[in-house]
Amino acid sequence: MTRAGLDKQPPAVAAMFDGVAERYDLANRIISFGQDTRWRQATRAALNLRPGERVLDVGAGTGVSTEELARSGAFAVGVDLSTGMLEVGRRVRPAVPLVAGDALCLPFPDGAFDAVTISFALRNVVDLDAAFREFARVVRPGGRLVVCECSHPTNPAFRTFYLAHLLRAIPVVTRRVSSNPDAYVYLIESIRAWPNQPDLTKRIAASGWQRVSWRNLSGGVVALHRAIRTPDEPDAPLTRS
C-alpha cells in the first residue's frame, strides 16, 4: 500500500486511490458523519444545472458525485485519474459515464460543457493554476465552475479542535473500513496545507475565471467556490457565511 506526498505527483496519487477504491465511498460516509450526501446536493444546487445541459465532474472517483449531478436532468460525465476508482464505479454505477483522464489534460474538446465541477479532488492536483485554466478550456463562454473542497472552519475555537484532534482521528477510524488507512494521513496533511477560502478565491480569479465567490458548509469544514468563465447574464453570487 502507498500514500501520496504533498508534491502530489500524479502516479503516486493514482496509486493511492487505486488502493482505497473498494471501500472509498463507505470511508467517506463515516469520516464525514454522513454529511457527504448533503455536500453533494449543495454542489448540484450551486451549479444551477438545467435539463439538457452538459456537466463535467472532475475527480469523480467511483461516480457517486456524478450520479448526484445527473439528478438535475443534465448529462453528467465523470473523469478520474485512478483506474481503480473507475473500475469500482463502473461496476456499482454502470449507468454513469466515467472516463479516465487527468485534470491537467482533460480528454474533451474546447467548450464541450456548460459547467464543470470538482469535489474533494482539487487538493490532489499538482498544479492548481493549470487545472483552473484547463477547466475553463472545456467550458463554453458563460459556463460555470463549482469547487467543493475541504476548507478552514471559521470559528477559531472549533478550527483549533478540528485541526488538532478531529483530523488526527481519521486514520484511526478508517483503519476499520479502509484497505489503506495510511492514505488518510495524506488527507490530513493536504487539508492542513490547503489555502483558506479567500486565498483560493484569489487563485481561481487569477486563472481567468470571473465573479468568484464562496459559501461555507458545515461551518467552513467544507467550502463551495463558484465562478463564471465569462459573464453573459446576471448571476447572483453565493452568500458568504
Protein backbone atom coordinates (compact mmCIF):
# COMPACT_ATOMS: atom_id res chain seq x y z
CA MET A 1 0.00 0.00 0.00
CA THR A 2 1.09 3.59 -0.61
CA ARG A 3 0.14 7.16 0.05
CA ALA A 4 0.95 10.25 -1.94
CA GLY A 5 3.10 13.09 -0.70
CA LEU A 6 2.33 16.78 -0.78
CA ASP A 7 4.25 17.07 -4.05
CA LYS A 8 1.12 15.33 -5.47
CA GLN A 9 2.81 13.50 -8.32
CA PRO A 10 0.03 12.00 -10.48
CA PRO A 11 1.31 8.38 -10.48
CA ALA A 12 1.51 8.38 -6.68
CA VAL A 13 -1.92 9.98 -6.32
CA ALA A 14 -3.47 7.47 -8.74
CA ALA A 15 -1.82 4.51 -6.99
CA MET A 16 -3.02 5.72 -3.59
CA PHE A 17 -6.63 5.96 -4.74
CA ASP A 18 -6.41 2.63 -6.53
CA GLY A 19 -5.57 1.15 -3.14
CA VAL A 20 -8.61 2.57 -1.33
CA ALA A 21 -11.15 2.38 -4.16
CA GLU A 22 -13.15 -0.63 -2.99
CA ARG A 23 -14.38 0.94 0.25
CA TYR A 24 -13.74 4.60 -0.52
CA ASP A 25 -17.38 5.71 -0.51
CA LEU A 26 -18.04 3.96 2.81
CA ALA A 27 -14.99 5.55 4.41
CA ASN A 28 -16.09 8.99 3.24
CA ARG A 29 -19.55 8.48 4.68
CA ILE A 30 -18.05 7.57 8.06
CA ILE A 31 -15.43 10.32 8.37
CA SER A 32 -17.89 12.99 7.22
CA PHE A 33 -20.52 11.83 9.78
CA GLY A 34 -22.90 11.33 6.88
CA GLN A 35 -22.58 14.94 5.67
CA ASP A 36 -21.11 13.92 2.30
CA THR A 37 -24.61 13.47 0.84
CA ARG A 38 -25.60 17.00 1.83
CA TRP A 39 -22.38 18.42 0.40
CA ARG A 40 -23.01 16.72 -2.95
CA GLN A 41 -26.55 18.08 -3.02
CA ALA A 42 -25.25 21.58 -2.28
CA THR A 43 -22.76 21.28 -5.12
CA ARG A 44 -25.50 20.30 -7.55
CA ALA A 45 -27.65 23.23 -6.40
CA ALA A 46 -24.75 25.69 -6.74
CA LEU A 47 -24.18 24.62 -10.35
CA ASN A 48 -27.80 25.54 -11.18
CA LEU A 49 -27.94 22.81 -13.82
CA ARG A 50 -30.81 22.63 -16.25
CA PRO A 51 -32.14 19.60 -18.14
CA GLY A 52 -30.15 19.02 -21.31
CA GLU A 53 -27.03 20.84 -20.14
CA ARG A 54 -23.68 19.05 -20.04
CA VAL A 55 -21.61 18.99 -16.87
CA LEU A 56 -18.14 17.54 -16.29
CA ASP A 57 -17.34 16.05 -12.88
CA VAL A 58 -13.54 16.11 -12.46
CA GLY A 59 -12.02 13.77 -9.90
CA ALA A 60 -15.26 11.81 -9.92
CA GLY A 61 -13.83 8.69 -8.31
CA THR A 62 -16.49 5.99 -8.29
CA GLY A 63 -19.06 8.35 -9.78
CA VAL A 64 -21.16 8.96 -6.68
CA SER A 65 -20.90 12.72 -7.25
CA THR A 66 -21.59 12.33 -10.98
CA GLU A 67 -24.72 10.36 -10.21
CA GLU A 68 -25.92 13.17 -7.95
CA LEU A 69 -25.34 15.77 -10.68
CA ALA A 70 -27.43 13.75 -13.13
CA ARG A 71 -30.45 14.11 -10.83
CA SER A 72 -30.76 17.64 -12.21
CA GLY A 73 -31.60 16.29 -15.67
CA ALA A 74 -28.23 17.41 -17.05
CA PHE A 75 -25.95 15.00 -18.89
CA ALA A 76 -23.16 14.36 -16.36
CA VAL A 77 -19.79 12.81 -17.23
CA GLY A 78 -17.18 11.83 -14.64
CA VAL A 79 -13.43 11.80 -15.21
CA ASP A 80 -10.77 10.48 -12.84
CA LEU A 81 -7.06 9.69 -12.79
CA SER A 82 -7.45 6.46 -10.80
CA THR A 83 -8.35 3.41 -12.87
CA GLY A 84 -9.11 1.54 -9.65
CA MET A 85 -11.76 4.06 -8.67
CA LEU A 86 -13.23 3.95 -12.18
CA GLU A 87 -13.40 0.16 -12.13
CA VAL A 88 -15.39 0.21 -8.90
CA GLY A 89 -17.63 2.96 -10.23
CA ARG A 90 -18.39 1.15 -13.47
CA ARG A 91 -19.33 -1.95 -11.50
CA VAL A 92 -21.62 -0.31 -8.95
CA ARG A 93 -22.94 2.52 -11.18
CA PRO A 94 -22.99 1.09 -14.72
CA ALA A 95 -25.31 3.84 -15.98
CA VAL A 96 -22.90 6.65 -15.04
CA PRO A 97 -20.48 7.69 -17.84
CA LEU A 98 -16.94 7.52 -16.40
CA VAL A 99 -13.78 8.34 -18.34
CA ALA A 100 -10.09 8.05 -17.45
CA GLY A 101 -8.27 11.36 -17.55
CA ASP A 102 -6.03 13.89 -15.83
CA ALA A 103 -7.40 17.21 -14.54
CA LEU A 104 -4.47 18.94 -16.25
CA CYS A 105 -5.17 17.39 -19.65
CA LEU A 106 -8.86 16.61 -19.95
CA PRO A 107 -9.84 14.34 -22.87
CA PHE A 108 -12.55 16.67 -24.18
CA PRO A 109 -12.67 19.40 -26.84
CA ASP A 110 -12.85 23.12 -26.14
CA GLY A 111 -16.22 24.38 -24.90
CA ALA A 112 -17.72 20.90 -24.63
CA PHE A 113 -19.56 21.55 -21.34
CA ASP A 114 -21.93 24.06 -19.82
CA ALA A 115 -20.41 23.56 -16.37
CA VAL A 116 -17.50 21.85 -14.64
CA THR A 117 -17.12 20.83 -11.03
CA ILE A 118 -14.59 19.09 -8.81
CA SER A 119 -15.38 17.74 -5.34
CA PHE A 120 -12.73 16.81 -2.77
CA ALA A 121 -10.16 16.19 -5.50
CA LEU A 122 -8.64 19.59 -6.20
CA ARG A 123 -6.28 19.11 -3.24
CA ASN A 124 -4.77 16.18 -5.15
CA VAL A 125 -3.87 18.19 -8.27
CA VAL A 126 -0.20 19.07 -8.65
CA ASP A 127 -0.77 22.44 -10.41
CA LEU A 128 -3.87 24.36 -9.33
CA ASP A 129 -3.47 27.23 -11.78
CA ALA A 130 -3.07 24.89 -14.75
CA ALA A 131 -6.14 22.94 -13.61
CA PHE A 132 -8.29 26.09 -13.46
CA ARG A 133 -7.16 27.02 -16.97
CA GLU A 134 -7.96 23.53 -18.22
CA PHE A 135 -11.41 23.66 -16.62
CA ALA A 136 -12.02 26.94 -18.45
CA ARG A 137 -10.93 25.41 -21.74
CA VAL A 138 -13.59 22.70 -21.71
CA VAL A 139 -16.41 25.05 -20.63
CA ARG A 140 -18.34 27.27 -23.05
CA PRO A 141 -18.35 31.06 -22.60
CA GLY A 142 -20.67 31.84 -19.70
CA GLY A 143 -20.16 28.35 -18.28
CA ARG A 144 -19.93 27.73 -14.55
CA LEU A 145 -17.35 26.28 -12.19
CA VAL A 146 -18.08 24.95 -8.71
CA VAL A 147 -15.33 23.65 -6.45
CA CYS A 148 -16.40 21.67 -3.38
CA GLU A 149 -13.42 21.13 -1.14
CA CYS A 150 -12.31 20.72 2.46
CA SER A 151 -11.54 24.15 3.88
CA HIS A 152 -10.93 26.11 7.07
CA PRO A 153 -13.56 26.30 9.84
CA THR A 154 -14.50 29.89 10.57
CA ASN A 155 -14.88 29.57 14.36
CA PRO A 156 -11.37 29.88 15.88
CA ALA A 157 -12.04 27.52 18.79
CA PHE A 158 -13.58 24.86 16.57
CA ARG A 159 -10.82 25.31 13.99
CA THR A 160 -8.19 24.57 16.66
CA PHE A 161 -10.08 21.49 17.86
CA TYR A 162 -10.67 20.33 14.28
CA LEU A 163 -7.02 20.58 13.24
CA ALA A 164 -5.60 19.24 16.49
CA HIS A 165 -7.98 16.40 17.28
CA LEU A 166 -10.67 15.55 14.74
CA LEU A 167 -8.30 15.25 11.79
CA ARG A 168 -5.93 13.06 13.81
CA ALA A 169 -8.79 10.64 14.48
CA ILE A 170 -9.43 9.97 10.79
CA PRO A 171 -6.71 7.32 10.24
CA VAL A 172 -7.81 5.54 13.41
CA VAL A 173 -11.43 5.40 12.22
CA THR A 174 -10.58 4.39 8.67
CA ARG A 175 -8.37 1.55 9.87
CA ARG A 176 -11.56 -0.46 10.31
CA VAL A 177 -13.03 0.24 6.88
CA SER A 178 -10.15 1.07 4.52
CA SER A 179 -7.58 -1.24 2.96
CA ASN A 180 -5.03 1.58 3.17
CA PRO A 181 -5.61 3.77 6.24
CA ASP A 182 -2.22 5.45 5.72
CA ALA A 183 -3.75 7.17 2.71
CA TYR A 184 -5.82 9.19 5.15
CA VAL A 185 -2.65 10.56 6.74
CA TYR A 186 -2.15 12.25 3.38
CA LEU A 187 -5.72 13.55 3.66
CA ILE A 188 -4.84 15.28 6.92
CA GLU A 189 -1.62 16.74 5.51
CA SER A 190 -3.34 18.05 2.41
CA ILE A 191 -6.16 19.70 4.39
CA ARG A 192 -3.72 21.47 6.69
CA ALA A 193 -1.71 22.74 3.72
CA TRP A 194 -4.77 23.87 1.75
CA PRO A 195 -5.40 27.61 1.18
CA ASN A 196 -8.22 29.25 3.06
CA GLN A 197 -11.39 30.48 1.40
CA PRO A 198 -10.18 33.99 0.40
CA ASP A 199 -6.83 32.70 -0.86
CA LEU A 200 -8.45 30.02 -3.03
CA THR A 201 -10.80 32.70 -4.39
CA LYS A 202 -7.76 34.72 -5.49
CA ARG A 203 -6.18 31.68 -7.15
CA ILE A 204 -9.34 30.96 -9.15
CA ALA A 205 -9.69 34.60 -10.24
CA ALA A 206 -6.02 34.82 -11.23
CA SER A 207 -6.55 31.87 -13.58
CA GLY A 208 -9.07 33.74 -15.70
CA TRP A 209 -12.38 32.94 -14.01
CA GLN A 210 -14.66 35.82 -13.11
CA ARG A 211 -17.20 36.66 -10.41
CA VAL A 212 -15.65 34.21 -7.97
CA SER A 213 -17.45 33.76 -4.67
CA TRP A 214 -17.67 31.19 -1.93
CA ARG A 215 -20.12 29.68 0.52
CA ASN A 216 -19.19 27.79 3.67
CA LEU A 217 -20.77 24.46 4.54
CA SER A 218 -20.64 22.86 7.99
CA GLY A 219 -19.03 25.94 9.48
CA GLY A 220 -16.24 26.05 6.91
CA VAL A 221 -15.16 22.42 7.19
CA VAL A 222 -16.14 22.42 3.52
CA ALA A 223 -16.47 25.39 1.16
CA LEU A 224 -18.10 25.82 -2.22
CA HIS A 225 -16.31 28.19 -4.60
CA ARG A 226 -18.25 29.30 -7.65
CA ALA A 227 -17.08 31.20 -10.76
CA ILE A 228 -18.13 32.09 -14.30
CA ARG A 229 -15.92 31.68 -17.34
CA THR A 230 -17.20 34.90 -18.92
CA PRO A 231 -20.22 36.90 -17.74
CA ASP A 232 -23.14 36.58 -20.10
CA GLU A 233 -26.11 37.16 -17.84
CA PRO A 234 -26.82 38.35 -14.29
CA ASP A 235 -26.00 35.68 -11.75
CA ALA A 236 -26.20 36.26 -8.02
CA PRO A 237 -23.06 35.23 -6.11
CA LEU A 238 -23.16 32.62 -3.41
CA THR A 239 -23.69 34.05 0.05
CA ARG A 240 -20.66 34.09 2.31
CA SER A 241 -21.44 32.60 5.67
